[in-house]
Amino acid sequence: MSLLSPEIVWNITLMFLCHVYILLMILTQSIKEPLHISRKTSHKFLHVMIVNLPFIIHFFSSNIFPFFVEAYQE
């Protein structure tokens, strides 16, 4: 008998991908200087991209996993 069901593995994978997405969005903030992008524009870009995360919530099969994604952002 497996300790992790396919459902839990799927949720953990989605949670990991969400964290990678957040990390990539934060890292894009660090490259704004070489690209000559203003701080205001890069800040708006970050917020727009992070707002896309709730669309992924529907793919989770348990309500606790999206909470973990959101809790780490604060």
N, C-alpha and C. Protein backbone atom coordinates (compact mmCIF):
# COMPACT_ATOMS: atom_id res chain seq x y z
N MET A 1 0.84 -1.19 0.00
CA MET A 1 0.00 0.00 0.00
C MET A 1 0.88 1.24 0.00
N SER A 2 0.54 2.17 -0.85
CA SER A 2 1.32 3.39 -1.00
C SER A 2 0.92 4.43 0.04
N LEU A 3 1.90 5.14 0.54
CA LEU A 3 1.62 6.21 1.50
C LEU A 3 0.98 7.42 0.85
N LEU A 4 1.35 7.65 -0.40
CA LEU A 4 0.82 8.82 -1.11
C LEU A 4 -0.10 8.36 -2.23
N SER A 5 -1.32 8.79 -2.16
CA SER A 5 -2.26 8.47 -3.23
C SER A 5 -1.96 9.36 -4.43
N PRO A 6 -2.41 8.97 -5.61
CA PRO A 6 -2.20 9.80 -6.80
C PRO A 6 -2.80 11.20 -6.65
N GLU A 7 -3.88 11.29 -5.91
CA GLU A 7 -4.51 12.59 -5.68
C GLU A 7 -3.59 13.52 -4.88
N ILE A 8 -2.96 12.99 -3.86
CA ILE A 8 -2.05 13.80 -3.05
C ILE A 8 -0.80 14.17 -3.85
N VAL A 9 -0.30 13.24 -4.63
CA VAL A 9 0.86 13.53 -5.48
C VAL A 9 0.52 14.64 -6.46
N TRP A 10 -0.66 14.60 -7.06
CA TRP A 10 -1.11 15.64 -7.99
C TRP A 10 -1.18 16.99 -7.28
N ASN A 11 -1.75 17.04 -6.09
CA ASN A 11 -1.87 18.29 -5.35
C ASN A 11 -0.50 18.85 -4.95
N ILE A 12 0.40 17.98 -4.54
CA ILE A 12 1.74 18.43 -4.17
C ILE A 12 2.49 18.94 -5.40
N THR A 13 2.31 18.27 -6.52
CA THR A 13 2.94 18.73 -7.77
C THR A 13 2.41 20.10 -8.16
N LEU A 14 1.11 20.29 -8.09
CA LEU A 14 0.54 21.61 -8.40
C LEU A 14 1.04 22.67 -7.44
N MET A 15 1.13 22.33 -6.18
CA MET A 15 1.62 23.27 -5.19
C MET A 15 3.07 23.65 -5.50
N PHE A 16 3.88 22.68 -5.85
CA PHE A 16 5.27 22.94 -6.23
C PHE A 16 5.34 23.85 -7.46
N LEU A 17 4.53 23.57 -8.46
CA LEU A 17 4.53 24.40 -9.67
C LEU A 17 4.08 25.83 -9.37
N CYS A 18 3.14 25.98 -8.48
CA CYS A 18 2.71 27.33 -8.08
C CYS A 18 3.84 28.08 -7.40
N HIS A 19 4.60 27.40 -6.56
CA HIS A 19 5.72 28.05 -5.90
C HIS A 19 6.83 28.40 -6.89
N VAL A 20 7.06 27.55 -7.86
CA VAL A 20 8.04 27.85 -8.90
C VAL A 20 7.58 29.07 -9.69
N TYR A 21 6.31 29.13 -10.01
CA TYR A 21 5.75 30.27 -10.74
C TYR A 21 5.95 31.56 -9.95
N ILE A 22 5.66 31.53 -8.66
CA ILE A 22 5.84 32.71 -7.82
C ILE A 22 7.30 33.11 -7.77
N LEU A 23 8.18 32.14 -7.62
CA LEU A 23 9.62 32.42 -7.59
C LEU A 23 10.08 33.06 -8.90
N LEU A 24 9.61 32.55 -10.02
CA LEU A 24 9.98 33.12 -11.31
C LEU A 24 9.48 34.56 -11.45
N MET A 25 8.30 34.83 -10.94
CA MET A 25 7.78 36.19 -11.00
C MET A 25 8.61 37.14 -10.14
N ILE A 26 9.04 36.66 -9.00
CA ILE A 26 9.89 37.49 -8.14
C ILE A 26 11.25 37.70 -8.77
N LEU A 27 11.79 36.66 -9.39
CA LEU A 27 13.10 36.80 -10.04
C LEU A 27 13.05 37.75 -11.24
N THR A 28 11.92 37.83 -11.91
CA THR A 28 11.81 38.78 -13.01
C THR A 28 11.94 40.22 -12.52
N GLN A 29 11.63 40.44 -11.26
CA GLN A 29 11.79 41.78 -10.69
C GLN A 29 13.26 42.17 -10.61
N SER A 30 14.13 41.20 -10.47
CA SER A 30 15.56 41.50 -10.32
C SER A 30 16.23 41.83 -11.65
N ILE A 31 15.61 41.53 -12.77
CA ILE A 31 16.24 41.80 -14.06
C ILE A 31 15.69 43.06 -14.72
N LYS A 32 14.98 43.87 -13.97
CA LYS A 32 14.38 45.07 -14.58
C LYS A 32 15.43 46.11 -14.98
N GLU A 33 16.54 46.20 -14.25
CA GLU A 33 17.56 47.20 -14.55
C GLU A 33 18.23 46.96 -15.90
N PRO A 34 18.70 45.72 -16.19
CA PRO A 34 19.33 45.52 -17.50
C PRO A 34 18.36 45.73 -18.67
N LEU A 35 17.09 45.54 -18.42
CA LEU A 35 16.10 45.71 -19.49
C LEU A 35 15.54 47.13 -19.56
N HIS A 36 15.99 47.99 -18.66
CA HIS A 36 15.55 49.39 -18.59
C HIS A 36 14.05 49.51 -18.42
N ILE A 37 13.51 48.73 -17.51
CA ILE A 37 12.09 48.76 -17.19
C ILE A 37 11.93 49.51 -15.88
N SER A 38 10.97 50.41 -15.84
CA SER A 38 10.78 51.19 -14.62
C SER A 38 10.28 50.31 -13.49
N ARG A 39 10.51 50.78 -12.29
CA ARG A 39 10.07 50.03 -11.11
C ARG A 39 8.55 49.91 -11.08
N LYS A 40 7.87 50.96 -11.46
CA LYS A 40 6.41 50.96 -11.47
C LYS A 40 5.87 49.92 -12.45
N THR A 41 6.45 49.84 -13.62
CA THR A 41 6.01 48.87 -14.62
C THR A 41 6.27 47.44 -14.17
N SER A 42 7.43 47.20 -13.61
CA SER A 42 7.74 45.84 -13.16
C SER A 42 6.86 45.44 -11.98
N HIS A 43 6.53 46.40 -11.14
CA HIS A 43 5.63 46.13 -10.01
C HIS A 43 4.23 45.76 -10.51
N LYS A 44 3.75 46.47 -11.51
CA LYS A 44 2.44 46.17 -12.09
C LYS A 44 2.46 44.78 -12.74
N PHE A 45 3.55 44.47 -13.44
CA PHE A 45 3.68 43.17 -14.08
C PHE A 45 3.61 42.05 -13.03
N LEU A 46 4.31 42.22 -11.92
CA LEU A 46 4.31 41.22 -10.86
C LEU A 46 2.90 41.00 -10.34
N HIS A 47 2.17 42.07 -10.08
CA HIS A 47 0.83 41.94 -9.54
C HIS A 47 -0.12 41.28 -10.55
N VAL A 48 -0.01 41.62 -11.79
CA VAL A 48 -0.87 41.02 -12.81
C VAL A 48 -0.59 39.53 -12.92
N MET A 49 0.66 39.14 -12.88
CA MET A 49 1.00 37.73 -13.01
C MET A 49 0.60 36.93 -11.78
N ILE A 50 0.73 37.49 -10.60
CA ILE A 50 0.34 36.79 -9.38
C ILE A 50 -1.18 36.64 -9.30
N VAL A 51 -1.90 37.59 -9.86
CA VAL A 51 -3.36 37.51 -9.86
C VAL A 51 -3.83 36.32 -10.71
N ASN A 52 -3.00 35.83 -11.61
CA ASN A 52 -3.35 34.65 -12.42
C ASN A 52 -3.37 33.36 -11.61
N LEU A 53 -2.75 33.33 -10.46
CA LEU A 53 -2.70 32.11 -9.66
C LEU A 53 -4.07 31.55 -9.26
N PRO A 54 -5.05 32.36 -8.91
CA PRO A 54 -6.35 31.77 -8.54
C PRO A 54 -6.99 30.91 -9.62
N PHE A 55 -6.62 31.08 -10.87
CA PHE A 55 -7.17 30.24 -11.93
C PHE A 55 -6.70 28.79 -11.79
N ILE A 56 -5.59 28.58 -11.11
CA ILE A 56 -5.05 27.23 -10.91
C ILE A 56 -5.78 26.50 -9.78
N ILE A 57 -6.41 27.23 -8.90
CA ILE A 57 -7.05 26.65 -7.72
C ILE A 57 -8.06 25.56 -8.10
N HIS A 58 -8.70 25.69 -9.22
CA HIS A 58 -9.72 24.72 -9.64
C HIS A 58 -9.13 23.34 -9.93
N PHE A 59 -7.83 23.27 -10.15
CA PHE A 59 -7.19 21.99 -10.45
C PHE A 59 -6.83 21.21 -9.19
N PHE A 60 -6.84 21.87 -8.05
CA PHE A 60 -6.57 21.18 -6.79
C PHE A 60 -7.80 20.36 -6.40
N SER A 61 -7.57 19.18 -5.83
CA SER A 61 -8.70 18.35 -5.42
C SER A 61 -9.00 18.47 -3.93
N SER A 62 -8.14 19.16 -3.20
CA SER A 62 -8.35 19.37 -1.77
C SER A 62 -8.20 20.85 -1.47
N ASN A 63 -8.99 21.37 -0.57
CA ASN A 63 -8.98 22.80 -0.28
C ASN A 63 -7.77 23.27 0.51
N ILE A 64 -7.06 22.39 1.15
CA ILE A 64 -5.95 22.79 2.00
C ILE A 64 -4.71 23.18 1.18
N PHE A 65 -4.50 22.58 0.03
CA PHE A 65 -3.29 22.84 -0.74
C PHE A 65 -3.23 24.27 -1.31
N PRO A 66 -4.31 24.81 -1.85
CA PRO A 66 -4.25 26.21 -2.27
C PRO A 66 -3.99 27.16 -1.09
N PHE A 67 -4.45 26.78 0.07
CA PHE A 67 -4.18 27.59 1.27
C PHE A 67 -2.67 27.66 1.52
N PHE A 68 -1.98 26.52 1.37
CA PHE A 68 -0.53 26.51 1.58
C PHE A 68 0.19 27.38 0.57
N VAL A 69 -0.27 27.39 -0.66
CA VAL A 69 0.34 28.25 -1.68
C VAL A 69 0.15 29.71 -1.29
N GLU A 70 -1.04 30.07 -0.89
CA GLU A 70 -1.33 31.46 -0.54
C GLU A 70 -0.65 31.87 0.76
N ALA A 71 -0.55 30.98 1.72
CA ALA A 71 0.04 31.31 3.01
C ALA A 71 1.52 31.65 2.88
N TYR A 72 2.21 31.02 1.96
CA TYR A 72 3.64 31.28 1.80
C TYR A 72 3.90 32.61 1.11
N GLN A 73 2.92 33.16 0.44
CA GLN A 73 3.12 34.45 -0.25
C GLN A 73 3.15 35.60 0.74
N GLU A 74 2.45 35.47 1.81
CA GLU A 74 2.37 36.55 2.79
C GLU A 74 3.63 36.55 3.57
